[in-house]
Amino acid sequence: MYFVALASAFGFNAAEAADLNWNGDVRFRYESQQVKKTSDVKDYSRDRYRTRVRFGVDAWINDELSATVKLASGDIGNAINDTVSRNETYDGLFRPKSIYLNEAFLDYHPMSYGLDGKVNLVFGKRDVAKSLVWVNDLVYDGDISLEGVTVQYGKDSAGKEKDGLMFVAGYYFLDEQFNATNGAFENDPFLTIAQAAYRGEIYDMGYTIGIGDNNFRNLGHFSSSVQSLSAYPYSINVADRNVVELFGTLGGQVTETLPWKLYGQYAFNTSSKTDDARIDNSKRKAWLAGINVGDAKQPGQWALDFNFNHIERDSVFPIFTDSDRKVSNWNTNTEGWEVGATYHLVQNMTVGAKYYNYRQLDHSGFTGADSTNPRLHTLQADLVVKF
């Protein structure tokens, strides 16, 4: 009775009805992949059909509070790569495919204390592009959903950037470490992110420019459940890194219905050989530059995209960058380009294709497939329906 009376006194005697927005998408994909080698080592090729499903609900509870729960497909048999993929391959004699929790967070944007909803406090697991000021997949693949706490200024509660200054800070949990020697949970691997950016307009062109700091710590203390990270060359699970990112976009209109955008990212691992003997000081940078024309938002519209990128071995965190450009055993140590096209065929349905051409940057000093200077060729054809 005391707590009921207290809640009533503060105006919490009745819960408000939430405004629910159900949404999702289904993708059907054909993928053909070849890795060509320059020695007598056998070439690798694979053709497969895949699907991706994402669906969930956004609940707008009141002016200060919203929450989201979303599910997605995923192949748990390849748990590490599940971080950057929600695809399911058609195999297993028609067995049912798996669905997992992809996003689950609450967003508190207080109106009091002079904040007027300008600050978002996000708690839980959320899509990386809505959590951060995200340009492209050099540092973080677009399928990642960060887990932890995010503070945003200059982004609305739906994750869209506003004009003017933007600030983002986050603390994210990578793993929980159990020390069998003393029976304690300690030295948990974690990630902190801090970003500052500005969005504005010049000569009828919109632009965004910013800087971010991505600090990976305690990577040498992953639990046994993710020890397969050690299968990556140079045991990247024990090399902490601090990745500084510069990013920007510039865009305008070719016609009223045809937008264009230039975009770029540069990342540098400030951790050096002094911090970890396995780090090569000459292989710590990565960059990506591209152009996009069109947006394919309405039936009959199209979009084209092209980018070139260079990702050195000890630059970005290998597990979080896009795995579609992986050559041999690497998500980093690659250089190449990709081009894609999308056409909006009928309302809510698009068709598209994308081609990847990548090579391994450094193959000296390695044995087996990694020493053959392999080149990756991948073609993806997609049919996507959004609802």
Protein backbone atom coordinates (compact mmCIF):
# COMPACT_ATOMS: atom_id res chain seq x y z
CA MET A 1 0.00 0.00 0.00
CA TYR A 2 2.89 2.33 0.80
CA PHE A 3 4.50 1.87 -2.63
CA VAL A 4 1.15 2.24 -4.42
CA ALA A 5 0.53 5.50 -2.56
CA LEU A 6 4.06 6.70 -3.33
CA ALA A 7 3.65 5.92 -7.04
CA SER A 8 0.31 7.71 -7.13
CA ALA A 9 1.84 10.78 -5.49
CA PHE A 10 4.45 10.96 -8.23
CA GLY A 11 1.92 10.40 -11.01
CA PHE A 12 2.79 6.79 -11.85
CA ASN A 13 -0.62 5.39 -11.05
CA ALA A 14 -1.43 4.42 -14.65
CA ALA A 15 0.73 3.04 -17.44
CA GLU A 16 0.41 4.75 -20.80
CA ALA A 17 -0.48 2.75 -23.87
CA ALA A 18 2.51 2.23 -26.16
CA ASP A 19 2.46 3.15 -29.85
CA LEU A 20 3.74 -0.03 -31.54
CA ASN A 21 5.45 -0.08 -34.93
CA TRP A 22 5.97 -3.58 -36.34
CA ASN A 23 8.58 -3.87 -39.10
CA GLY A 24 10.95 -6.29 -40.77
CA ASP A 25 12.48 -7.59 -43.98
CA VAL A 26 13.12 -10.86 -45.79
CA ARG A 27 16.05 -11.39 -48.18
CA PHE A 28 16.67 -14.25 -50.62
CA ARG A 29 20.27 -14.44 -51.91
CA TYR A 30 22.24 -16.40 -54.48
CA GLU A 31 26.00 -16.22 -53.82
CA SER A 32 28.85 -17.46 -55.99
CA GLN A 33 32.35 -17.24 -54.51
CA GLN A 34 35.76 -18.15 -55.90
CA VAL A 35 39.24 -17.77 -54.44
CA LYS A 36 41.92 -17.99 -57.12
CA LYS A 37 45.44 -18.94 -56.10
CA THR A 38 48.68 -18.24 -58.00
CA SER A 39 50.34 -21.58 -57.16
CA ASP A 40 49.42 -25.24 -57.52
CA VAL A 41 47.29 -25.01 -54.36
CA LYS A 42 43.72 -25.94 -55.32
CA ASP A 43 41.36 -23.03 -55.99
CA TYR A 44 38.33 -22.62 -53.72
CA SER A 45 34.81 -22.18 -55.07
CA ARG A 46 31.33 -22.21 -53.54
CA ASP A 47 27.81 -21.58 -54.81
CA ARG A 48 24.98 -21.34 -52.28
CA TYR A 49 21.52 -19.95 -51.61
CA ARG A 50 20.90 -18.02 -48.42
CA THR A 51 18.18 -16.19 -46.57
CA ARG A 52 18.06 -13.41 -44.00
CA VAL A 53 15.05 -12.55 -41.87
CA ARG A 54 14.70 -9.63 -39.45
CA PHE A 55 11.53 -8.53 -37.69
CA GLY A 56 10.44 -6.85 -34.49
CA VAL A 57 8.63 -4.00 -32.85
CA ASP A 58 9.46 -0.42 -31.83
CA ALA A 59 7.41 0.74 -28.84
CA TRP A 60 6.99 4.50 -28.39
CA ILE A 61 5.79 4.65 -24.79
CA ASN A 62 5.80 8.41 -24.13
CA ASP A 63 7.79 11.55 -24.95
CA GLU A 64 10.70 10.34 -22.83
CA LEU A 65 10.77 6.58 -23.28
CA SER A 66 10.90 4.06 -26.12
CA ALA A 67 11.99 0.44 -26.43
CA THR A 68 12.72 -2.05 -29.20
CA VAL A 69 12.79 -5.82 -29.50
CA LYS A 70 13.88 -7.42 -32.79
CA LEU A 71 14.65 -10.97 -33.87
CA ALA A 72 16.83 -12.17 -36.76
CA SER A 73 18.06 -15.31 -38.45
CA GLY A 74 21.61 -16.53 -37.90
CA ASP A 75 23.84 -19.59 -38.26
CA ILE A 76 24.93 -20.57 -34.74
CA GLY A 77 27.14 -23.26 -36.24
CA ASN A 78 29.51 -20.47 -37.26
CA ALA A 79 29.24 -18.48 -34.05
CA ILE A 80 32.11 -16.01 -34.50
CA ASN A 81 31.07 -14.97 -38.00
CA ASP A 82 27.50 -14.59 -36.70
CA THR A 83 28.74 -11.30 -35.27
CA VAL A 84 28.74 -9.76 -38.77
CA SER A 85 26.11 -11.86 -40.56
CA ARG A 86 22.43 -12.71 -40.18
CA ASN A 87 22.41 -15.13 -43.11
CA GLU A 88 21.18 -18.72 -43.08
CA THR A 89 22.41 -21.09 -45.79
CA TYR A 90 19.93 -23.49 -47.39
CA ASP A 91 21.25 -26.88 -46.31
CA GLY A 92 20.50 -29.62 -43.75
CA LEU A 93 17.71 -31.46 -45.60
CA PHE A 94 15.02 -28.78 -45.01
CA ARG A 95 15.66 -28.47 -41.26
CA PRO A 96 14.05 -25.39 -39.63
CA LYS A 97 16.30 -22.34 -39.49
CA SER A 98 17.21 -20.55 -36.29
CA ILE A 99 15.92 -17.21 -35.02
CA TYR A 100 17.76 -15.22 -32.32
CA LEU A 101 17.48 -12.00 -30.34
CA ASN A 102 19.09 -9.36 -32.56
CA GLU A 103 18.12 -6.13 -30.74
CA ALA A 104 16.68 -5.44 -27.29
CA PHE A 105 17.10 -1.98 -25.79
CA LEU A 106 15.36 0.89 -24.06
CA ASP A 107 15.93 4.53 -24.92
CA TYR A 108 15.40 7.18 -22.25
CA HIS A 109 15.45 10.74 -23.63
CA PRO A 110 14.57 13.03 -20.69
CA MET A 111 12.63 16.22 -21.33
CA SER A 112 13.42 17.76 -17.95
CA TYR A 113 16.64 19.35 -16.65
CA GLY A 114 16.78 21.51 -19.79
CA LEU A 115 17.57 18.51 -22.00
CA ASP A 116 14.31 18.67 -24.01
CA GLY A 117 14.85 15.18 -25.44
CA LYS A 118 18.19 16.12 -27.02
CA VAL A 119 20.09 13.37 -25.19
CA ASN A 120 19.41 9.65 -25.66
CA LEU A 121 20.45 7.16 -22.98
CA VAL A 122 20.34 3.74 -24.65
CA PHE A 123 20.63 0.56 -22.59
CA GLY A 124 20.90 -2.89 -24.18
CA LYS A 125 21.63 -4.40 -27.60
CA ARG A 126 21.17 -2.07 -30.58
CA ASP A 127 21.98 -1.82 -34.29
CA VAL A 128 25.43 -0.25 -34.81
CA ALA A 129 24.28 2.25 -37.48
CA LYS A 130 21.66 3.69 -35.13
CA SER A 131 23.96 3.63 -32.11
CA LEU A 132 26.94 5.40 -33.72
CA VAL A 133 27.57 7.97 -36.43
CA TRP A 134 28.12 5.22 -39.01
CA VAL A 135 29.35 5.82 -42.58
CA ASN A 136 30.30 2.36 -43.89
CA ASP A 137 31.65 -1.02 -42.85
CA LEU A 138 35.41 -0.37 -42.57
CA VAL A 139 35.44 -0.54 -38.76
CA TYR A 140 32.03 -2.11 -38.01
CA ASP A 141 29.93 -4.28 -40.31
CA GLY A 142 26.35 -3.03 -40.65
CA ASP A 143 24.90 -6.27 -39.21
CA ILE A 144 26.55 -5.79 -35.80
CA SER A 145 24.32 -4.91 -32.85
CA LEU A 146 26.32 -3.40 -29.98
CA GLU A 147 25.69 -4.58 -26.40
CA GLY A 148 26.05 -2.11 -23.55
CA VAL A 149 25.30 1.53 -22.80
CA THR A 150 25.25 4.40 -25.33
CA VAL A 151 24.88 8.15 -24.74
CA GLN A 152 23.92 10.23 -27.78
CA TYR A 153 23.58 13.92 -28.49
CA GLY A 154 22.52 15.06 -31.96
CA LYS A 155 20.74 11.84 -32.98
CA ASP A 156 16.99 11.40 -32.64
CA SER A 157 15.43 8.47 -30.78
CA ALA A 158 15.11 6.55 -34.09
CA GLY A 159 18.89 6.75 -34.57
CA LYS A 160 18.89 9.35 -37.35
CA GLU A 161 21.52 12.11 -37.33
CA LYS A 162 20.36 15.69 -36.85
CA ASP A 163 21.97 18.82 -38.29
CA GLY A 164 24.70 20.40 -36.20
CA LEU A 165 26.99 18.89 -33.59
CA MET A 166 26.77 15.21 -32.63
CA PHE A 167 28.43 13.35 -29.77
CA VAL A 168 28.32 9.63 -29.02
CA ALA A 169 29.92 7.70 -26.17
CA GLY A 170 29.50 4.02 -25.42
CA TYR A 171 30.70 1.22 -23.17
CA TYR A 172 30.18 -2.27 -24.60
CA PHE A 173 30.67 -5.77 -23.22
CA LEU A 174 32.58 -8.16 -25.50
CA ASP A 175 32.75 -11.24 -23.28
CA GLU A 176 32.63 -12.48 -19.69
CA GLN A 177 35.86 -14.04 -18.43
CA PHE A 178 35.98 -16.69 -15.70
CA ASN A 179 39.33 -17.32 -14.00
CA ALA A 180 39.32 -21.00 -13.04
CA THR A 181 42.38 -20.49 -10.82
CA ASN A 182 40.70 -18.23 -8.28
CA GLY A 183 37.06 -18.84 -9.21
CA ALA A 184 36.45 -15.18 -10.07
CA PHE A 185 35.02 -13.32 -13.05
CA GLU A 186 37.62 -10.71 -13.94
CA ASN A 187 39.44 -8.97 -16.80
CA ASP A 188 36.34 -9.01 -18.99
CA PRO A 189 37.08 -7.89 -22.58
CA PHE A 190 35.31 -4.61 -23.36
CA LEU A 191 35.07 -1.83 -25.93
CA THR A 192 34.69 1.90 -25.40
CA ILE A 193 33.73 4.27 -28.22
CA ALA A 194 33.74 8.08 -28.34
CA GLN A 195 32.70 10.10 -31.39
CA ALA A 196 32.33 13.76 -32.29
CA ALA A 197 30.82 14.84 -35.62
CA TYR A 198 29.16 17.74 -37.39
CA ARG A 199 26.43 17.65 -40.02
CA GLY A 200 25.81 20.72 -42.15
CA GLU A 201 25.29 22.15 -45.62
CA ILE A 202 27.50 24.06 -48.04
CA TYR A 203 26.60 25.22 -51.59
CA ASP A 204 23.39 23.15 -51.53
CA MET A 205 25.37 20.04 -50.59
CA GLY A 206 25.00 18.23 -47.29
CA TYR A 207 28.05 16.95 -45.46
CA THR A 208 29.06 15.07 -42.34
CA ILE A 209 32.55 15.05 -40.87
CA GLY A 210 33.75 13.45 -37.68
CA ILE A 211 36.29 11.55 -35.60
CA GLY A 212 35.94 8.48 -33.41
CA ASP A 213 38.05 6.54 -30.91
CA ASN A 214 37.52 2.76 -30.58
CA ASN A 215 39.35 1.25 -27.62
CA PHE A 216 39.47 -2.58 -27.38
CA ARG A 217 40.75 -3.87 -24.05
CA ASN A 218 41.43 -7.21 -22.34
CA LEU A 219 41.24 -9.10 -25.63
CA GLY A 220 43.64 -11.69 -24.22
CA HIS A 221 40.99 -12.82 -21.74
CA PHE A 222 38.24 -14.21 -23.97
CA SER A 223 36.38 -17.16 -22.47
CA SER A 224 36.76 -20.65 -23.91
CA SER A 225 33.43 -20.18 -25.73
CA VAL A 226 35.12 -17.83 -28.20
CA GLN A 227 38.66 -19.19 -28.13
CA SER A 228 38.29 -20.03 -31.81
CA LEU A 229 39.43 -16.43 -32.25
CA SER A 230 42.92 -17.82 -31.77
CA ALA A 231 42.55 -19.57 -35.13
CA TYR A 232 43.04 -16.20 -36.75
CA PRO A 233 46.65 -15.43 -37.72
CA TYR A 234 48.77 -13.70 -35.11
CA SER A 235 46.35 -14.67 -32.31
CA ILE A 236 44.52 -11.35 -32.55
CA ASN A 237 42.59 -12.30 -29.41
CA VAL A 238 45.58 -11.23 -27.30
CA ALA A 239 46.40 -7.96 -29.07
CA ASP A 240 44.56 -4.98 -27.58
CA ARG A 241 44.15 -2.06 -29.95
CA ASN A 242 43.02 1.54 -30.03
CA VAL A 243 41.56 2.44 -33.43
CA VAL A 244 41.14 6.12 -34.28
CA GLU A 245 38.71 6.74 -37.15
CA LEU A 246 38.19 9.79 -39.37
CA PHE A 247 35.03 9.74 -41.47
CA GLY A 248 32.97 11.97 -43.73
CA THR A 249 30.29 12.24 -46.41
CA LEU A 250 29.37 14.83 -49.03
CA GLY A 251 26.16 14.65 -51.04
CA GLY A 252 23.65 16.48 -53.18
CA GLN A 253 21.12 16.03 -55.96
CA VAL A 254 21.73 15.21 -59.62
CA THR A 255 18.00 15.74 -60.16
CA GLU A 256 15.11 16.15 -57.75
CA THR A 257 14.73 12.37 -57.45
CA LEU A 258 18.36 11.31 -57.97
CA PRO A 259 20.73 11.93 -55.04
CA TRP A 260 24.48 11.35 -54.97
CA LYS A 261 26.93 10.91 -52.11
CA LEU A 262 30.69 10.60 -51.67
CA TYR A 263 31.86 8.87 -48.50
CA GLY A 264 35.15 7.95 -46.87
CA GLN A 265 36.75 6.46 -43.76
CA TYR A 266 40.32 6.32 -42.47
CA ALA A 267 41.31 4.19 -39.48
CA PHE A 268 44.63 3.89 -37.66
CA ASN A 269 45.56 1.57 -34.81
CA THR A 270 47.52 3.73 -32.37
CA SER A 271 48.61 0.64 -30.41
CA SER A 272 52.12 -0.29 -31.51
CA LYS A 273 54.81 -2.93 -31.21
CA THR A 274 55.73 -1.35 -27.89
CA ASP A 275 52.27 -2.28 -26.58
CA ASP A 276 52.27 -5.78 -28.10
CA ALA A 277 55.22 -7.47 -29.82
CA ARG A 278 52.93 -9.09 -32.40
CA ILE A 279 51.85 -5.72 -33.86
CA ASP A 280 53.69 -4.64 -37.00
CA ASN A 281 54.03 -0.84 -36.91
CA SER A 282 54.00 -0.67 -40.72
CA LYS A 283 50.62 -2.48 -41.02
CA ARG A 284 48.24 -0.46 -38.82
CA LYS A 285 46.15 1.67 -41.20
CA ALA A 286 42.94 1.12 -43.18
CA TRP A 287 40.88 3.31 -45.48
CA LEU A 288 37.74 3.18 -47.60
CA ALA A 289 36.41 5.59 -50.24
CA GLY A 290 33.25 5.30 -52.31
CA ILE A 291 30.41 6.91 -54.24
CA ASN A 292 26.67 6.24 -54.24
CA VAL A 293 24.18 7.46 -56.86
CA GLY A 294 20.42 7.03 -56.39
CA ASP A 295 18.50 5.59 -53.43
CA ALA A 296 15.89 3.19 -54.93
CA LYS A 297 13.29 4.28 -52.38
CA GLN A 298 10.33 4.24 -54.77
CA PRO A 299 9.24 1.80 -57.52
CA GLY A 300 11.13 2.46 -60.73
CA GLN A 301 14.08 4.09 -58.96
CA TRP A 302 17.61 2.65 -58.89
CA ALA A 303 20.87 3.01 -56.99
CA LEU A 304 24.54 2.34 -57.78
CA ASP A 305 27.37 2.04 -55.27
CA PHE A 306 31.13 1.62 -55.62
CA ASN A 307 33.93 1.64 -53.04
CA PHE A 308 37.62 0.77 -52.83
CA ASN A 309 39.29 -0.13 -49.55
CA HIS A 310 42.67 -1.04 -48.11
CA ILE A 311 42.79 -2.85 -44.74
CA GLU A 312 46.17 -3.73 -43.27
CA ARG A 313 46.71 -6.69 -40.98
CA ASP A 314 46.95 -4.90 -37.61
CA SER A 315 44.53 -2.02 -38.27
CA VAL A 316 40.83 -2.54 -37.44
CA PHE A 317 39.50 -5.34 -35.23
CA PRO A 318 39.24 -8.33 -37.66
CA ILE A 319 36.07 -9.85 -36.23
CA PHE A 320 33.99 -6.65 -36.63
CA THR A 321 34.89 -5.49 -40.15
CA ASP A 322 32.88 -6.86 -43.09
CA SER A 323 33.54 -10.58 -43.63
CA ASP A 324 32.39 -10.55 -47.28
CA ARG A 325 35.86 -9.35 -48.30
CA LYS A 326 37.66 -12.12 -46.38
CA VAL A 327 40.46 -13.73 -48.43
CA SER A 328 41.73 -17.06 -47.10
CA ASN A 329 41.75 -16.80 -43.27
CA TRP A 330 41.65 -13.02 -43.13
CA ASN A 331 39.03 -10.34 -42.53
CA THR A 332 41.88 -7.82 -42.57
CA ASN A 333 45.08 -7.87 -44.68
CA THR A 334 42.98 -7.24 -47.80
CA GLU A 335 42.68 -4.68 -50.60
CA GLY A 336 40.06 -4.46 -53.29
CA TRP A 337 36.81 -3.02 -54.57
CA GLU A 338 33.11 -3.77 -54.71
CA VAL A 339 30.29 -2.51 -56.90
CA GLY A 340 26.56 -2.95 -56.45
CA ALA A 341 23.26 -2.03 -58.10
CA THR A 342 19.69 -1.97 -56.73
CA TYR A 343 16.37 -1.51 -58.52
CA HIS A 344 13.01 -0.95 -56.78
CA LEU A 345 10.84 -3.34 -58.78
CA VAL A 346 7.46 -3.04 -57.04
CA GLN A 347 6.32 -1.37 -53.82
CA ASN A 348 8.46 -2.64 -50.91
CA MET A 349 10.49 -5.06 -53.10
CA THR A 350 13.96 -4.48 -54.55
CA VAL A 351 16.30 -6.60 -56.65
CA GLY A 352 20.03 -6.11 -56.60
CA ALA A 353 23.47 -7.52 -57.34
CA LYS A 354 26.92 -6.91 -55.89
CA TYR A 355 30.39 -7.98 -57.00
CA TYR A 356 33.50 -8.17 -54.77
CA ASN A 357 37.09 -8.29 -56.04
CA TYR A 358 39.77 -8.56 -53.32
CA ARG A 359 43.33 -9.70 -52.91
CA GLN A 360 45.46 -10.53 -49.89
CA LEU A 361 47.80 -7.63 -49.12
CA ASP A 362 50.68 -9.46 -47.44
CA HIS A 363 51.56 -13.09 -48.16
CA SER A 364 55.29 -13.15 -47.42
CA GLY A 365 56.43 -15.40 -44.60
CA PHE A 366 53.29 -17.55 -44.64
CA THR A 367 52.73 -21.17 -45.60
CA GLY A 368 49.86 -23.02 -47.25
CA ALA A 369 46.97 -21.08 -48.78
CA ASP A 370 48.05 -17.80 -47.15
CA SER A 371 51.33 -17.85 -49.13
CA THR A 372 49.71 -18.11 -52.56
CA ASN A 373 48.61 -14.47 -53.00
CA PRO A 374 44.94 -15.49 -53.41
CA ARG A 375 42.29 -13.27 -55.02
CA LEU A 376 38.61 -13.33 -54.03
CA HIS A 377 35.74 -13.03 -56.54
CA THR A 378 32.19 -12.97 -55.12
CA LEU A 379 28.85 -12.31 -56.79
CA GLN A 380 25.69 -11.80 -54.72
CA ALA A 381 22.20 -11.49 -56.22
CA ASP A 382 19.46 -10.35 -53.80
CA LEU A 383 15.69 -10.15 -53.67
CA VAL A 384 14.51 -8.09 -50.65
CA VAL A 385 11.01 -7.37 -49.34
CA LYS A 386 10.51 -4.85 -46.51
CA PHE A 387 7.36 -4.48 -44.43
